[in-house]
Amino acid sequence: MTKSVKLTAVMMVALLGLAACNTVRGAGQDLSVAGSTIASEAGQAQ
């Protein structure tokens, strides 16, 4: 492989890794908001 092909492959892997981290963070935030909403509704029901 040429040097530019290797560099491009490394950059693509790094970019995919960053995108995955962002996705997981977003999912965690969504779950946190859902948990807070459920806790709030449960508190109001009591």
PDB file of N, CA and C in Angstrom:
ATOM      1  N   MET A   1       0.843  -1.183   0.000  1.00  0.00           N
ATOM      2  CA  MET A   1       0.000   0.000   0.000  1.00  0.00           C
ATOM      3  C   MET A   1       0.887   1.245   0.000  1.00  0.00           C
ATOM      4  N   THR A   2       0.377   2.265  -0.618  1.00  0.00           N
ATOM      5  CA  THR A   2       1.143   3.502  -0.623  1.00  0.00           C
ATOM      6  C   THR A   2       0.894   4.264   0.663  1.00  0.00           C
ATOM      7  N   LYS A   3       1.734   5.214   0.903  1.00  0.00           N
ATOM      8  CA  LYS A   3       1.642   6.003   2.143  1.00  0.00           C
ATOM      9  C   LYS A   3       0.319   6.767   2.224  1.00  0.00           C
ATOM     10  N   SER A   4      -0.154   7.304   1.115  1.00  0.00           N
ATOM     11  CA  SER A   4      -1.403   8.080   1.142  1.00  0.00           C
ATOM     12  C   SER A   4      -2.617   7.186   1.403  1.00  0.00           C
ATOM     13  N   VAL A   5      -2.580   5.953   0.900  1.00  0.00           N
ATOM     14  CA  VAL A   5      -3.687   5.024   1.139  1.00  0.00           C
ATOM     15  C   VAL A   5      -3.731   4.649   2.616  1.00  0.00           C
ATOM     16  N   LYS A   6      -2.580   4.395   3.207  1.00  0.00           N
ATOM     17  CA  LYS A   6      -2.512   4.067   4.636  1.00  0.00           C
ATOM     18  C   LYS A   6      -3.001   5.240   5.478  1.00  0.00           C
ATOM     19  N   LEU A   7      -2.584   6.438   5.132  1.00  0.00           N
ATOM     20  CA  LEU A   7      -2.997   7.622   5.877  1.00  0.00           C
ATOM     21  C   LEU A   7      -4.507   7.822   5.776  1.00  0.00           C
ATOM     22  N   THR A   8      -5.048   7.620   4.596  1.00  0.00           N
ATOM     23  CA  THR A   8      -6.495   7.755   4.403  1.00  0.00           C
ATOM     24  C   THR A   8      -7.239   6.720   5.231  1.00  0.00           C
ATOM     25  N   ALA A   9      -6.737   5.481   5.256  1.00  0.00           N
ATOM     26  CA  ALA A   9      -7.385   4.429   6.039  1.00  0.00           C
ATOM     27  C   ALA A   9      -7.358   4.758   7.526  1.00  0.00           C
ATOM     28  N   VAL A  10      -6.247   5.247   8.031  1.00  0.00           N
ATOM     29  CA  VAL A  10      -6.136   5.615   9.450  1.00  0.00           C
ATOM     30  C   VAL A  10      -7.096   6.752   9.780  1.00  0.00           C
ATOM     31  N   MET A  11      -7.197   7.728   8.904  1.00  0.00           N
ATOM     32  CA  MET A  11      -8.094   8.863   9.137  1.00  0.00           C
ATOM     33  C   MET A  11      -9.551   8.419   9.136  1.00  0.00           C
ATOM     34  N   MET A  12      -9.907   7.483   8.250  1.00  0.00           N
ATOM     35  CA  MET A  12     -11.285   6.981   8.207  1.00  0.00           C
ATOM     36  C   MET A  12     -11.632   6.233   9.492  1.00  0.00           C
ATOM     37  N   VAL A  13     -10.711   5.409   9.987  1.00  0.00           N
ATOM     38  CA  VAL A  13     -10.952   4.673  11.230  1.00  0.00           C
ATOM     39  C   VAL A  13     -11.108   5.646  12.394  1.00  0.00           C
ATOM     40  N   ALA A  14     -10.267   6.671  12.445  1.00  0.00           N
ATOM     41  CA  ALA A  14     -10.357   7.663  13.514  1.00  0.00           C
ATOM     42  C   ALA A  14     -11.686   8.413  13.450  1.00  0.00           C
ATOM     43  N   LEU A  15     -12.115   8.763  12.262  1.00  0.00           N
ATOM     44  CA  LEU A  15     -13.382   9.481  12.085  1.00  0.00           C
ATOM     45  C   LEU A  15     -14.559   8.618  12.513  1.00  0.00           C
ATOM     46  N   LEU A  16     -14.541   7.347  12.158  1.00  0.00           N
ATOM     47  CA  LEU A  16     -15.618   6.435  12.574  1.00  0.00           C
ATOM     48  C   LEU A  16     -15.630   6.269  14.092  1.00  0.00           C
ATOM     49  N   GLY A  17     -14.454   6.224  14.688  1.00  0.00           N
ATOM     50  CA  GLY A  17     -14.371   6.108  16.142  1.00  0.00           C
ATOM     51  C   GLY A  17     -14.978   7.318  16.835  1.00  0.00           C
ATOM     52  N   LEU A  18     -14.686   8.496  16.323  1.00  0.00           N
ATOM     53  CA  LEU A  18     -15.256   9.711  16.911  1.00  0.00           C
ATOM     54  C   LEU A  18     -16.766   9.762  16.719  1.00  0.00           C
ATOM     55  N   ALA A  19     -17.240   9.331  15.578  1.00  0.00           N
ATOM     56  CA  ALA A  19     -18.686   9.319  15.325  1.00  0.00           C
ATOM     57  C   ALA A  19     -19.383   8.346  16.269  1.00  0.00           C
ATOM     58  N   ALA A  20     -18.779   7.211  16.528  1.00  0.00           N
ATOM     59  CA  ALA A  20     -19.373   6.226  17.436  1.00  0.00           C
ATOM     60  C   ALA A  20     -19.439   6.778  18.853  1.00  0.00           C
ATOM     61  N   CYS A  21     -18.401   7.467  19.282  1.00  0.00           N
ATOM     62  CA  CYS A  21     -18.405   8.046  20.629  1.00  0.00           C
ATOM     63  C   CYS A  21     -19.528   9.069  20.767  1.00  0.00           C
ATOM     64  N   ASN A  22     -19.711   9.868  19.748  1.00  0.00           N
ATOM     65  CA  ASN A  22     -20.755  10.882  19.778  1.00  0.00           C
ATOM     66  C   ASN A  22     -22.130  10.215  19.837  1.00  0.00           C
ATOM     67  N   THR A  23     -22.310   9.133  19.123  1.00  0.00           N
ATOM     68  CA  THR A  23     -23.585   8.426  19.116  1.00  0.00           C
ATOM     69  C   THR A  23     -23.883   7.836  20.486  1.00  0.00           C
ATOM     70  N   VAL A  24     -22.890   7.226  21.106  1.00  0.00           N
ATOM     71  CA  VAL A  24     -23.077   6.632  22.430  1.00  0.00           C
ATOM     72  C   VAL A  24     -23.384   7.711  23.455  1.00  0.00           C
ATOM     73  N   ARG A  25     -22.713   8.849  23.355  1.00  0.00           N
ATOM     74  CA  ARG A  25     -22.969   9.950  24.281  1.00  0.00           C
ATOM     75  C   ARG A  25     -24.406  10.440  24.128  1.00  0.00           C
ATOM     76  N   GLY A  26     -24.864  10.569  22.898  1.00  0.00           N
ATOM     77  CA  GLY A  26     -26.236  11.016  22.645  1.00  0.00           C
ATOM     78  C   GLY A  26     -27.258  10.033  23.182  1.00  0.00           C
ATOM     79  N   ALA A  27     -26.979   8.746  23.027  1.00  0.00           N
ATOM     80  CA  ALA A  27     -27.894   7.732  23.553  1.00  0.00           C
ATOM     81  C   ALA A  27     -27.937   7.800  25.076  1.00  0.00           C
ATOM     82  N   GLY A  28     -26.803   8.020  25.706  1.00  0.00           N
ATOM     83  CA  GLY A  28     -26.757   8.153  27.164  1.00  0.00           C
ATOM     84  C   GLY A  28     -27.553   9.348  27.646  1.00  0.00           C
ATOM     85  N   GLN A  29     -27.465  10.442  26.926  1.00  0.00           N
ATOM     86  CA  GLN A  29     -28.231  11.635  27.298  1.00  0.00           C
ATOM     87  C   GLN A  29     -29.725  11.378  27.139  1.00  0.00           C
ATOM     88  N   ASP A  30     -30.111  10.696  26.064  1.00  0.00           N
ATOM     89  CA  ASP A  30     -31.526  10.376  25.862  1.00  0.00           C
ATOM     90  C   ASP A  30     -32.065   9.499  26.990  1.00  0.00           C
ATOM     91  N   LEU A  31     -31.281   8.496  27.380  1.00  0.00           N
ATOM     92  CA  LEU A  31     -31.710   7.616  28.470  1.00  0.00           C
ATOM     93  C   LEU A  31     -31.800   8.377  29.789  1.00  0.00           C
ATOM     94  N   SER A  32     -30.901   9.315  29.993  1.00  0.00           N
ATOM     95  CA  SER A  32     -30.925  10.109  31.222  1.00  0.00           C
ATOM     96  C   SER A  32     -32.190  10.966  31.294  1.00  0.00           C
ATOM     97  N   VAL A  33     -32.534  11.580  30.187  1.00  0.00           N
ATOM     98  CA  VAL A  33     -33.750  12.403  30.140  1.00  0.00           C
ATOM     99  C   VAL A  33     -34.988  11.532  30.355  1.00  0.00           C
ATOM    100  N   ALA A  34     -35.008  10.357  29.729  1.00  0.00           N
ATOM    101  CA  ALA A  34     -36.152   9.449  29.901  1.00  0.00           C
ATOM    102  C   ALA A  34     -36.275   9.022  31.361  1.00  0.00           C
ATOM    103  N   GLY A  35     -35.162   8.721  32.016  1.00  0.00           N
ATOM    104  CA  GLY A  35     -35.182   8.332  33.422  1.00  0.00           C
ATOM    105  C   GLY A  35     -35.681   9.452  34.312  1.00  0.00           C
ATOM    106  N   SER A  36     -35.257  10.660  34.025  1.00  0.00           N
ATOM    107  CA  SER A  36     -35.704  11.812  34.815  1.00  0.00           C
ATOM    108  C   SER A  36     -37.202  12.036  34.647  1.00  0.00           C
ATOM    109  N   THR A  37     -37.694  11.868  33.440  1.00  0.00           N
ATOM    110  CA  THR A  37     -39.124  12.040  33.178  1.00  0.00           C
ATOM    111  C   THR A  37     -39.938  10.981  33.919  1.00  0.00           C
ATOM    112  N   ILE A  38     -39.471   9.745  33.878  1.00  0.00           N
ATOM    113  CA  ILE A  38     -40.181   8.663  34.584  1.00  0.00           C
ATOM    114  C   ILE A  38     -40.190   8.924  36.087  1.00  0.00           C
ATOM    115  N   ALA A  39     -39.055   9.348  36.630  1.00  0.00           N
ATOM    116  CA  ALA A  39     -38.970   9.631  38.061  1.00  0.00           C
ATOM    117  C   ALA A  39     -39.889  10.781  38.446  1.00  0.00           C
ATOM    118  N   SER A  40     -39.966  11.790  37.606  1.00  0.00           N
ATOM    119  CA  SER A  40     -40.837  12.928  37.871  1.00  0.00           C
ATOM    120  C   SER A  40     -42.310  12.514  37.867  1.00  0.00           C
ATOM    121  N   GLU A  41     -42.686  11.715  36.863  1.00  0.00           N
ATOM    122  CA  GLU A  41     -44.072  11.255  36.769  1.00  0.00           C
ATOM    123  C   GLU A  41     -44.424  10.346  37.946  1.00  0.00           C
ATOM    124  N   ALA A  42     -43.496   9.513  38.364  1.00  0.00           N
ATOM    125  CA  ALA A  42     -43.740   8.632  39.503  1.00  0.00           C
ATOM    126  C   ALA A  42     -43.919   9.447  40.782  1.00  0.00           C
ATOM    127  N   GLY A  43     -43.145  10.492  40.927  1.00  0.00           N
ATOM    128  CA  GLY A  43     -43.268  11.353  42.102  1.00  0.00           C
ATOM    129  C   GLY A  43     -44.602  12.076  42.134  1.00  0.00           C
ATOM    130  N   GLN A  44     -45.094  12.487  40.973  1.00  0.00           N
ATOM    131  CA  GLN A  44     -46.379  13.174  40.903  1.00  0.00           C
ATOM    132  C   GLN A  44     -47.543  12.207  41.153  1.00  0.00           C
ATOM    133  N   ALA A  45     -47.378  10.950  40.795  1.00  0.00           N
ATOM    134  CA  ALA A  45     -48.445   9.962  40.962  1.00  0.00           C
ATOM    135  C   ALA A  45     -48.646   9.597  42.434  1.00  0.00           C
ATOM    136  N   GLN A  46     -47.604   9.751  43.219  1.00  0.00           N
ATOM    137  CA  GLN A  46     -47.720   9.385  44.631  1.00  0.00           C
ATOM    138  C   GLN A  46     -48.423  10.469  45.344  1.00  0.00           C
TER     139      GLN A  46
END
